[in-house]
Amino acid sequence: MNILIASVFSIDSYSRGIMPDVLQSQLEKHPDATIYYLSCSNTFDVCYFNINKEADVCYRCKEGVSNTLKLIDGNFLNIKLSDLITSEDRRIADEFFYNNSKMDYDLVYDTFEVGAATLSTYISRTRDRDLIHVEQDFVKELAYNALTIYLGVKRYLVEKNIDVVYNFNGRQDYVRAILRATLANGLDCINIERARLGGFVETYKNILPHNIPNKWELVQKCWDNSNLSKQEKIRIGSEFFERQRSGESIIFPSYTREMKKGSLPNIVFNGNENIVLFNSSDDEFAALGKEYDNPYFKDQIEALQALTDHVGNSLPSHNLIIRMHPNLKGVAHKFVTKILELNKKYPNIVVIAPESPTDSYELIGVADKVISFGSTTGLEANFQGKPVILLGKGLYYYSNVAYIPKDWSEIQQLLKTDLEAKPKEDTIKFGFYFLMGGTKTKYYFEDKSGNGIFFKKVRIHYYTFTQRFKSKLIQIAYKFFKLRIKL
């Protein structure tokens, strides 16, 4: 049996501890297999975690991989991307981008959606969902490198007669290239993703971790296969939401500490019915494909404008309170300023800025109904016994958590109708999964902060004094003289 384990992102990523665990586990499970461990190891100067091409980051990434692999017991072949990519791969990439210079979602080579994969990285790092500044050199370089990875890996899998590939996440450019190259050869690609603190992972066979139906299937299996009593499962599932509200970040960041407890806008007390809308940062999902396309609107801006005009003109006995997602704080792109411009467009419309200390949980408490675009706030509102209207795609799209309208006409009807909250059963199943789901790793572990990554009880990455000294020299040479030196 021949196995390829790809750990392309090996710095500032959970991959740096998870993929060595995969390697060690596969060595133990298949002692007679030929196993290849693939890393970047400074093949490229730019990646998702180093878009500024900082030379010392590349050095620390490469040395960190080398240090970690010394902890592995067993025989494997350590390879890097530069071992796979040929001059012919670069020639093909040169020709492709010469003929396709525009970077957009429709840019595809063979079976690899190189445009969407690259834009996923670009949007995540810049928050520029509208692609205003997408012509920057680093974007083109990411796309070019990703295509060479696709070509090199696709060929290498055949040459080495690989049977299965293990990859991390699969969303961004370089790791998406590995996923598509594997599938193009008719092989299975097992995408590994972090599930939660404590060293738990999820596996996704031939799909991205963001696949909505698959996520809901995982949630249901976790619930159904548990040997715990139903009462105990309900207690654990409920505990997730209680801990999240208290300010503990378990899987998703908690913004509770940035809020002023009990703080609410005055409009909620004017006697009107309160419709509280929690927007989400839809730029994060802009490059995930048609699965995440909004079924009603082009984007959330269009949705918010339509809802604002409808409630402002047709529902004077209702308030629409738009609570912007806190992680949009400091984002200056047009899609954020457009939302802020809706503030007090009508007397019954209020926009709460991302940096506002307004208590989101108290907002849910005073809401007669809640609108969500797929964020976990919809789950939390349902847990509080509030009717939720879902106007986008999200983890609970296929569960019985929220009202999912068919069209704009039904949206209008739901806004003015007294609604009963959906049962909490499915929401509690999600809570149970968030605390109990995933598979426990043998050697990978995280501390409670989520910042300490350990493999075999060794903090990853660790560096020798000499490596830290060399890293500093490389950093100074690049910062002040723009020299990329390799020591």
Protein backbone atom coordinates (compact mmCIF):
# COMPACT_ATOMS: atom_id res chain seq x y z
CA MET A 1 0.00 0.00 0.00
CA ASN A 2 1.25 3.48 -0.89
CA ILE A 3 0.06 6.51 1.08
CA LEU A 4 0.67 10.22 0.57
CA ILE A 5 0.20 12.52 3.57
CA ALA A 6 0.24 16.20 2.60
CA SER A 7 1.02 18.91 5.14
CA VAL A 8 1.51 21.93 2.91
CA PHE A 9 0.64 24.52 5.57
CA SER A 10 3.02 23.84 8.43
CA ILE A 11 3.13 27.11 10.35
CA ASP A 12 0.37 28.96 12.22
CA SER A 13 -1.96 26.15 11.23
CA TYR A 14 -3.43 23.26 13.20
CA SER A 15 -1.97 21.17 10.40
CA ARG A 16 1.47 21.41 11.98
CA GLY A 17 0.39 19.07 14.77
CA ILE A 18 -2.48 17.17 13.19
CA MET A 19 -0.72 15.86 10.08
CA PRO A 20 2.28 14.45 11.98
CA ASP A 21 -0.30 12.59 14.08
CA VAL A 22 -1.80 11.22 10.86
CA LEU A 23 1.67 10.17 9.72
CA GLN A 24 2.52 8.37 12.95
CA SER A 25 -0.91 6.72 13.09
CA GLN A 26 -0.65 5.45 9.52
CA LEU A 27 2.84 4.09 10.16
CA GLU A 28 1.44 2.11 13.07
CA LYS A 29 -1.66 0.98 11.21
CA HIS A 30 0.17 0.04 8.00
CA PRO A 31 3.74 -0.93 8.99
CA ASP A 32 4.42 -2.45 5.57
CA ALA A 33 3.13 0.51 3.55
CA THR A 34 5.26 3.00 1.67
CA ILE A 35 4.34 6.37 3.13
CA TYR A 36 5.28 9.77 1.70
CA TYR A 37 5.08 12.93 3.80
CA LEU A 38 4.76 16.05 1.64
CA SER A 39 5.48 19.59 2.84
CA CYS A 40 6.20 22.93 1.21
CA SER A 41 9.51 23.46 3.05
CA ASN A 42 10.16 26.79 1.35
CA THR A 43 9.31 25.60 -2.16
CA PHE A 44 7.35 28.85 -2.44
CA ASP A 45 7.88 32.27 -0.89
CA VAL A 46 4.16 32.98 -0.46
CA CYS A 47 1.22 31.05 0.99
CA TYR A 48 -1.99 31.55 2.95
CA PHE A 49 -0.02 32.06 6.16
CA ASN A 50 2.67 34.26 4.61
CA ILE A 51 1.17 36.52 1.95
CA ASN A 52 3.82 39.15 2.72
CA LYS A 53 6.61 36.75 1.78
CA GLU A 54 8.48 37.17 5.05
CA ALA A 55 11.66 35.12 4.65
CA ASP A 56 11.97 34.20 8.32
CA VAL A 57 8.44 32.73 8.30
CA CYS A 58 9.45 30.37 5.48
CA TYR A 59 12.61 29.43 7.35
CA ARG A 60 10.77 28.69 10.60
CA CYS A 61 8.15 26.69 8.73
CA LYS A 62 10.79 24.53 7.04
CA GLU A 63 12.85 24.02 10.21
CA GLY A 64 9.73 23.36 12.27
CA VAL A 65 8.72 20.54 9.94
CA SER A 66 12.21 19.08 10.13
CA ASN A 67 12.21 19.20 13.94
CA THR A 68 8.76 17.62 14.22
CA LEU A 69 9.55 14.77 11.86
CA LYS A 70 12.45 13.77 14.11
CA LEU A 71 9.78 12.76 16.63
CA ILE A 72 8.29 10.21 14.22
CA ASP A 73 8.94 6.52 14.82
CA GLY A 74 9.06 4.42 11.66
CA ASN A 75 10.21 4.62 8.07
CA PHE A 76 8.70 7.12 5.66
CA LEU A 77 9.84 9.26 2.75
CA ASN A 78 10.04 12.99 3.46
CA ILE A 79 9.40 14.94 0.27
CA LYS A 80 8.71 18.58 -0.56
CA LEU A 81 6.71 20.25 -3.30
CA SER A 82 9.85 21.21 -5.20
CA ASP A 83 10.56 17.47 -5.61
CA LEU A 84 7.31 17.05 -7.53
CA ILE A 85 7.01 20.20 -9.63
CA THR A 86 8.85 20.14 -12.95
CA SER A 87 9.81 22.73 -15.55
CA GLU A 88 7.02 21.31 -17.71
CA ASP A 89 4.50 22.04 -14.95
CA ARG A 90 5.72 25.63 -14.84
CA ARG A 91 5.53 25.92 -18.63
CA ILE A 92 1.91 24.74 -18.59
CA ALA A 93 1.09 27.18 -15.79
CA ASP A 94 2.80 30.02 -17.67
CA GLU A 95 0.78 29.29 -20.78
CA PHE A 96 -2.49 28.95 -18.86
CA PHE A 97 -2.17 32.27 -17.09
CA TYR A 98 -0.93 34.00 -20.23
CA ASN A 99 -4.23 33.02 -21.85
CA ASN A 100 -6.29 33.58 -18.68
CA SER A 101 -5.04 36.71 -16.98
CA LYS A 102 -8.26 37.64 -15.14
CA MET A 103 -8.63 36.22 -11.64
CA ASP A 104 -12.25 35.25 -10.99
CA TYR A 105 -14.35 32.40 -9.62
CA ASP A 106 -14.78 30.79 -13.06
CA LEU A 107 -11.06 30.28 -13.67
CA VAL A 108 -10.69 26.49 -13.97
CA TYR A 109 -7.91 24.25 -15.21
CA ASP A 110 -8.95 20.67 -15.90
CA THR A 111 -10.87 19.71 -12.72
CA PHE A 112 -9.19 22.29 -10.50
CA GLU A 113 -11.13 25.47 -9.66
CA VAL A 114 -7.91 27.45 -9.33
CA GLY A 115 -9.74 30.81 -9.31
CA ALA A 116 -12.16 29.97 -6.48
CA ALA A 117 -9.43 28.25 -4.46
CA THR A 118 -7.11 31.25 -4.74
CA LEU A 119 -9.86 33.76 -4.05
CA SER A 120 -10.74 31.80 -0.92
CA THR A 121 -7.29 32.65 0.40
CA TYR A 122 -7.39 36.23 -0.87
CA ILE A 123 -10.77 37.02 0.70
CA SER A 124 -9.91 35.39 4.01
CA ARG A 125 -6.72 37.42 4.32
CA THR A 126 -7.96 40.78 2.98
CA ARG A 127 -11.75 40.65 3.69
CA ASP A 128 -12.15 42.13 0.20
CA ARG A 129 -15.21 40.18 -0.84
CA ASP A 130 -15.86 42.45 -3.81
CA LEU A 131 -12.36 41.76 -5.24
CA ILE A 132 -11.56 45.45 -5.53
CA HIS A 133 -7.80 44.96 -5.09
CA VAL A 134 -7.52 41.44 -6.46
CA GLU A 135 -4.91 42.34 -9.09
CA GLN A 136 -2.12 42.33 -6.53
CA ASP A 137 0.95 40.28 -7.49
CA PHE A 138 0.68 37.88 -4.56
CA VAL A 139 -2.76 36.72 -5.76
CA LYS A 140 -1.44 35.78 -9.18
CA GLU A 141 1.53 34.06 -7.59
CA LEU A 142 -0.72 32.01 -5.30
CA ALA A 143 -2.79 30.89 -8.28
CA TYR A 144 0.29 30.05 -10.33
CA ASN A 145 1.83 28.02 -7.49
CA ALA A 146 -1.44 26.22 -6.85
CA LEU A 147 -1.68 25.13 -10.46
CA THR A 148 1.88 23.79 -10.44
CA ILE A 149 1.00 21.82 -7.28
CA TYR A 150 -2.04 20.38 -9.02
CA LEU A 151 0.01 19.32 -12.02
CA GLY A 152 2.92 17.97 -9.99
CA VAL A 153 0.83 16.04 -7.47
CA LYS A 154 -1.48 14.63 -10.14
CA ARG A 155 1.50 13.14 -11.99
CA TYR A 156 3.31 12.02 -8.83
CA LEU A 157 0.31 10.03 -7.61
CA VAL A 158 0.45 7.97 -10.79
CA GLU A 159 4.23 7.58 -10.81
CA LYS A 160 4.31 6.30 -7.23
CA ASN A 161 1.11 4.27 -7.55
CA ILE A 162 -0.44 6.04 -4.54
CA ASP A 163 -3.56 4.38 -3.11
CA VAL A 164 -4.89 7.10 -0.80
CA VAL A 165 -4.09 10.71 0.09
CA TYR A 166 -4.47 12.48 3.43
CA ASN A 167 -4.80 16.26 3.21
CA PHE A 168 -5.57 19.11 5.61
CA ASN A 169 -8.85 21.03 5.24
CA GLY A 170 -8.81 21.41 1.44
CA ARG A 171 -10.32 24.89 1.17
CA GLN A 172 -7.44 27.20 0.24
CA ASP A 173 -5.44 27.24 -2.97
CA TYR A 174 -2.54 24.84 -2.26
CA VAL A 175 -4.52 22.25 -0.31
CA ARG A 176 -7.44 22.48 -2.76
CA ALA A 177 -4.95 21.66 -5.53
CA ILE A 178 -4.03 18.43 -3.71
CA LEU A 179 -7.69 17.50 -3.24
CA ARG A 180 -8.50 18.02 -6.92
CA ALA A 181 -5.34 16.27 -8.15
CA THR A 182 -6.25 13.25 -6.04
CA LEU A 183 -9.84 13.10 -7.24
CA ALA A 184 -8.72 13.60 -10.86
CA ASN A 185 -6.85 10.29 -10.53
CA GLY A 186 -9.89 8.51 -9.12
CA LEU A 187 -8.31 8.17 -5.67
CA ASP A 188 -9.73 8.90 -2.24
CA CYS A 189 -8.64 12.12 -0.56
CA ILE A 190 -9.25 12.17 3.19
CA ASN A 191 -9.44 15.79 4.31
CA ILE A 192 -8.58 16.16 7.98
CA GLU A 193 -9.97 19.08 9.99
CA ARG A 194 -9.73 20.13 13.60
CA ALA A 195 -12.99 19.41 15.42
CA ARG A 196 -12.45 21.01 18.84
CA LEU A 197 -10.02 21.57 21.67
CA GLY A 198 -8.26 18.68 23.31
CA GLY A 199 -7.00 16.96 20.17
CA PHE A 200 -10.11 15.98 18.23
CA VAL A 201 -10.36 15.86 14.44
CA GLU A 202 -12.94 15.24 11.75
CA THR A 203 -12.40 13.39 8.48
CA TYR A 204 -14.07 14.28 5.19
CA LYS A 205 -13.73 11.79 2.37
CA ASN A 206 -13.49 13.50 -1.03
CA ILE A 207 -15.35 16.62 0.08
CA LEU A 208 -14.58 19.89 1.84
CA PRO A 209 -15.21 20.20 5.59
CA HIS A 210 -17.74 22.92 4.79
CA ASN A 211 -20.12 20.48 3.10
CA ILE A 212 -23.46 21.25 4.76
CA PRO A 213 -25.30 17.89 4.32
CA ASN A 214 -22.24 15.96 5.47
CA LYS A 215 -21.87 18.12 8.58
CA TRP A 216 -25.49 17.52 9.55
CA GLU A 217 -24.95 13.79 8.97
CA LEU A 218 -21.95 13.85 11.33
CA VAL A 219 -24.05 15.61 13.97
CA GLN A 220 -26.81 13.01 13.74
CA LYS A 221 -24.39 10.07 13.82
CA CYS A 222 -22.65 11.49 16.88
CA TRP A 223 -26.02 11.74 18.65
CA ASP A 224 -27.41 8.38 17.52
CA ASN A 225 -24.23 6.39 18.14
CA SER A 226 -23.62 7.71 21.64
CA ASN A 227 -24.16 5.22 24.46
CA LEU A 228 -25.18 8.00 26.82
CA SER A 229 -28.79 8.32 27.93
CA LYS A 230 -30.97 10.82 26.11
CA GLN A 231 -31.21 12.90 29.27
CA GLU A 232 -27.42 13.08 29.55
CA LYS A 233 -27.04 13.97 25.86
CA ILE A 234 -29.56 16.78 26.29
CA ARG A 235 -27.63 18.04 29.31
CA ILE A 236 -24.34 18.06 27.39
CA GLY A 237 -25.89 19.63 24.28
CA SER A 238 -27.42 22.38 26.38
CA GLU A 239 -24.16 22.92 28.23
CA PHE A 240 -22.44 23.99 25.01
CA PHE A 241 -24.74 27.00 24.59
CA GLU A 242 -24.51 27.91 28.26
CA ARG A 243 -20.70 27.84 28.15
CA GLN A 244 -20.60 29.79 24.89
CA ARG A 245 -22.84 32.46 26.40
CA SER A 246 -20.60 32.69 29.46
CA GLY A 247 -17.75 33.78 27.19
CA GLU A 248 -15.92 30.50 26.66
CA SER A 249 -14.71 29.90 23.10
CA ILE A 250 -15.13 26.18 22.51
CA ILE A 251 -15.18 25.93 18.73
CA PHE A 252 -16.40 29.33 17.64
CA PRO A 253 -14.99 32.60 18.97
CA SER A 254 -17.08 34.08 21.77
CA TYR A 255 -17.47 37.87 21.75
CA THR A 256 -19.29 38.00 25.08
CA ARG A 257 -16.35 39.64 26.88
CA GLU A 258 -16.47 42.56 24.45
CA MET A 259 -20.14 43.19 25.26
CA LYS A 260 -21.64 45.19 28.09
CA LYS A 261 -24.00 42.87 29.90
CA GLY A 262 -27.61 43.99 29.54
CA SER A 263 -26.79 46.77 27.05
CA LEU A 264 -29.62 47.30 24.54
CA PRO A 265 -30.64 50.04 22.07
CA ASN A 266 -33.57 52.15 23.22
CA ILE A 267 -35.65 51.22 20.19
CA VAL A 268 -36.40 47.77 21.61
CA PHE A 269 -38.59 49.38 24.28
CA ASN A 270 -40.86 51.42 21.96
CA GLY A 271 -43.69 48.85 22.02
CA ASN A 272 -43.12 47.50 18.52
CA GLU A 273 -42.47 43.86 17.67
CA ASN A 274 -38.71 43.35 17.54
CA ILE A 275 -37.17 41.59 14.57
CA VAL A 276 -33.50 41.12 15.36
CA LEU A 277 -31.24 40.34 12.43
CA PHE A 278 -27.74 38.97 12.99
CA ASN A 279 -25.70 39.36 9.86
CA SER A 280 -22.69 37.15 9.24
CA SER A 281 -19.39 37.80 7.53
CA ASP A 282 -20.41 36.25 4.22
CA ASP A 283 -17.04 37.15 2.70
CA GLU A 284 -15.70 34.05 4.47
CA PHE A 285 -17.91 31.83 2.31
CA ALA A 286 -17.70 33.75 -0.96
CA ALA A 287 -15.37 31.22 -2.61
CA LEU A 288 -16.88 27.96 -1.36
CA GLY A 289 -19.00 27.34 -4.44
CA LYS A 290 -22.67 27.21 -5.31
CA GLU A 291 -23.55 25.25 -2.17
CA TYR A 292 -23.23 28.49 -0.20
CA ASP A 293 -24.99 30.74 -2.73
CA ASN A 294 -27.80 32.67 -1.08
CA PRO A 295 -31.10 31.19 -2.35
CA TYR A 296 -32.96 34.53 -2.23
CA PHE A 297 -30.51 37.38 -2.78
CA LYS A 298 -27.27 38.11 -4.60
CA ASP A 299 -25.60 38.73 -1.23
CA GLN A 300 -26.37 39.96 2.27
CA ILE A 301 -26.19 43.61 1.22
CA GLU A 302 -29.05 43.10 -1.21
CA ALA A 303 -30.95 41.18 1.48
CA LEU A 304 -30.46 43.88 4.13
CA GLN A 305 -31.53 46.63 1.77
CA ALA A 306 -34.66 44.70 0.78
CA LEU A 307 -35.55 43.90 4.40
CA THR A 308 -34.90 47.47 5.52
CA ASP A 309 -37.15 48.93 2.83
CA HIS A 310 -39.88 46.38 3.44
CA VAL A 311 -40.00 46.76 7.23
CA GLY A 312 -39.52 50.54 6.99
CA ASN A 313 -42.34 51.02 4.47
CA SER A 314 -44.77 48.16 5.16
CA LEU A 315 -44.34 47.15 8.80
CA PRO A 316 -44.38 50.34 10.92
CA SER A 317 -45.42 48.31 13.98
CA HIS A 318 -42.18 46.32 13.77
CA ASN A 319 -38.57 47.23 14.55
CA LEU A 320 -35.74 45.83 12.49
CA ILE A 321 -32.54 45.75 14.55
CA ILE A 322 -29.49 44.76 12.50
CA ARG A 323 -26.68 43.50 14.71
CA MET A 324 -23.49 43.43 12.63
CA HIS A 325 -21.11 40.55 13.29
CA PRO A 326 -18.32 41.58 15.71
CA ASN A 327 -15.64 40.10 13.46
CA LEU A 328 -16.38 42.85 10.93
CA LYS A 329 -14.79 45.30 13.34
CA GLY A 330 -12.14 47.30 11.53
CA VAL A 331 -13.15 46.05 8.08
CA ALA A 332 -13.37 49.12 5.83
CA HIS A 333 -14.61 47.55 2.60
CA LYS A 334 -17.72 48.85 0.90
CA PHE A 335 -19.97 45.95 1.93
CA VAL A 336 -19.50 47.01 5.57
CA THR A 337 -20.07 50.73 5.03
CA LYS A 338 -23.22 49.97 3.02
CA ILE A 339 -24.73 48.20 6.00
CA LEU A 340 -23.87 51.08 8.32
CA GLU A 341 -25.60 53.47 5.93
CA LEU A 342 -28.89 51.70 6.61
CA ASN A 343 -28.87 53.01 10.18
CA LYS A 344 -32.03 55.03 10.85
CA LYS A 345 -33.00 55.10 7.20
CA TYR A 346 -36.46 54.65 8.69
CA PRO A 347 -37.51 55.41 12.28
CA ASN A 348 -38.02 51.70 13.01
CA ILE A 349 -34.61 50.58 11.66
CA VAL A 350 -31.41 50.50 13.71
CA VAL A 351 -27.97 49.16 12.75
CA ILE A 352 -25.65 48.14 15.58
CA ALA A 353 -22.01 48.47 14.53
CA PRO A 354 -19.54 45.57 14.95
CA GLU A 355 -17.61 47.36 17.70
CA SER A 356 -20.75 48.18 19.72
CA PRO A 357 -20.84 46.72 23.27
CA THR A 358 -24.54 45.88 22.80
CA ASP A 359 -25.30 42.52 24.40
CA SER A 360 -26.23 40.11 21.59
CA TYR A 361 -27.70 37.58 24.00
CA GLU A 362 -29.95 40.24 25.52
CA LEU A 363 -30.98 41.19 21.99
CA ILE A 364 -32.08 37.61 21.42
CA GLY A 365 -33.96 37.81 24.70
CA VAL A 366 -36.06 40.82 23.61
CA ALA A 367 -36.57 39.54 20.05
CA ASP A 368 -39.96 38.38 18.86
CA LYS A 369 -38.22 36.68 15.98
CA VAL A 370 -34.62 36.37 14.82
CA ILE A 371 -33.20 36.46 11.29
CA SER A 372 -29.98 34.62 10.57
CA PHE A 373 -27.95 34.07 7.42
CA GLY A 374 -26.48 30.84 8.74
CA SER A 375 -24.31 31.87 11.67
CA THR A 376 -24.47 29.95 14.94
CA THR A 377 -26.47 32.83 16.42
CA GLY A 378 -29.47 31.15 14.81
CA LEU A 379 -28.79 28.05 16.89
CA GLU A 380 -28.40 30.15 20.03
CA ALA A 381 -31.67 31.96 19.34
CA ASN A 382 -33.51 28.68 18.86
CA PHE A 383 -31.98 27.42 22.11
CA GLN A 384 -33.45 30.49 23.83
CA GLY A 385 -36.86 29.57 22.45
CA LYS A 386 -37.05 32.18 19.70
CA PRO A 387 -38.45 31.63 16.20
CA VAL A 388 -35.62 31.85 13.67
CA ILE A 389 -35.91 32.73 9.98
CA LEU A 390 -32.96 31.44 7.97
CA LEU A 391 -32.12 33.55 4.91
CA GLY A 392 -28.89 31.87 3.86
CA LYS A 393 -26.92 28.64 4.00
CA GLY A 394 -25.38 27.34 7.19
CA LEU A 395 -24.70 24.23 9.26
CA TYR A 396 -28.35 23.85 10.25
CA TYR A 397 -29.90 24.43 6.82
CA TYR A 398 -31.12 20.82 6.57
CA SER A 399 -32.21 20.48 10.21
CA ASN A 400 -35.39 21.58 11.96
CA VAL A 401 -33.99 24.69 13.62
CA ALA A 402 -35.37 27.56 11.57
CA TYR A 403 -38.07 28.61 9.15
CA ILE A 404 -36.70 28.35 5.61
CA PRO A 405 -38.87 30.35 3.20
CA LYS A 406 -39.35 29.41 -0.43
CA ASP A 407 -39.12 32.92 -1.87
CA TRP A 408 -39.37 36.66 -1.17
CA SER A 409 -43.14 36.48 -0.85
CA GLU A 410 -42.88 33.91 1.92
CA ILE A 411 -40.17 35.95 3.63
CA GLN A 412 -42.58 38.89 3.79
CA GLN A 413 -45.29 36.63 5.20
CA LEU A 414 -43.00 35.26 7.91
CA LEU A 415 -41.95 38.76 8.95
CA LYS A 416 -45.49 39.83 9.78
CA THR A 417 -46.80 36.52 11.16
CA ASP A 418 -46.66 35.44 14.79
CA LEU A 419 -44.34 32.44 14.76
CA GLU A 420 -43.76 29.61 17.19
CA ALA A 421 -40.17 28.64 17.87
CA LYS A 422 -39.01 25.43 16.29
CA PRO A 423 -38.28 22.55 18.70
CA LYS A 424 -34.83 22.68 20.34
CA GLU A 425 -34.02 19.04 19.65
CA ASP A 426 -31.82 19.56 16.59
CA THR A 427 -30.09 22.58 18.11
CA ILE A 428 -29.19 20.51 21.17
CA LYS A 429 -27.81 17.83 18.84
CA PHE A 430 -25.47 20.45 17.38
CA GLY A 431 -24.42 21.47 20.88
CA PHE A 432 -23.76 17.85 21.76
CA TYR A 433 -21.64 17.44 18.64
CA PHE A 434 -19.64 20.59 19.35
CA LEU A 435 -18.68 19.14 22.74
CA MET A 436 -18.49 15.43 21.93
CA GLY A 437 -17.95 15.10 18.17
CA GLY A 438 -14.85 14.22 16.26
CA THR A 439 -12.24 11.52 16.73
CA LYS A 440 -9.63 11.71 19.48
CA THR A 441 -6.10 11.78 18.14
CA LYS A 442 -3.36 9.73 19.73
CA TYR A 443 -0.45 12.18 19.64
CA TYR A 444 -1.88 15.61 18.78
CA PHE A 445 -3.18 17.84 21.57
CA GLU A 446 -4.22 21.46 22.17
CA ASP A 447 -4.26 23.32 25.44
CA LYS A 448 -7.40 25.15 26.61
CA SER A 449 -6.39 28.41 24.94
CA GLY A 450 -6.23 26.76 21.53
CA ASN A 451 -2.82 28.35 21.00
CA GLY A 452 -0.61 25.58 22.36
CA ILE A 453 -0.20 22.82 19.78
CA PHE A 454 1.50 19.63 20.93
CA PHE A 455 2.68 16.45 19.23
CA LYS A 456 3.88 13.64 21.47
CA LYS A 457 3.79 16.14 24.36
CA VAL A 458 6.28 18.41 22.56
CA ARG A 459 5.10 21.92 21.73
CA ILE A 460 4.98 22.43 17.97
CA HIS A 461 6.88 24.19 16.58
CA TYR A 462 9.88 24.12 18.83
CA TYR A 463 13.22 25.59 17.73
CA THR A 464 16.82 25.32 18.86
CA PHE A 465 18.74 28.42 19.92
CA THR A 466 20.68 28.28 16.64
CA GLN A 467 17.47 28.15 14.62
CA ARG A 468 15.99 31.11 16.48
CA PHE A 469 19.23 33.07 15.92
CA LYS A 470 19.25 32.27 12.19
CA SER A 471 15.59 33.21 11.94
CA LYS A 472 16.36 36.63 13.41
CA LEU A 473 19.20 37.18 10.94
CA ILE A 474 16.95 36.22 8.03
CA GLN A 475 14.24 38.55 9.33
CA ILE A 476 16.64 41.52 9.61
CA ALA A 477 18.16 40.87 6.17
CA TYR A 478 14.72 40.82 4.54
CA LYS A 479 13.19 43.68 6.52
CA PHE A 480 15.99 46.18 5.98
CA PHE A 481 17.71 45.01 2.79
CA LYS A 482 15.02 42.89 1.04
CA LEU A 483 17.49 40.01 0.89
CA ARG A 484 16.14 36.47 1.06
CA ILE A 485 19.01 34.55 2.57
CA LYS A 486 18.92 30.84 3.27
CA LEU A 487 20.94 29.52 6.19
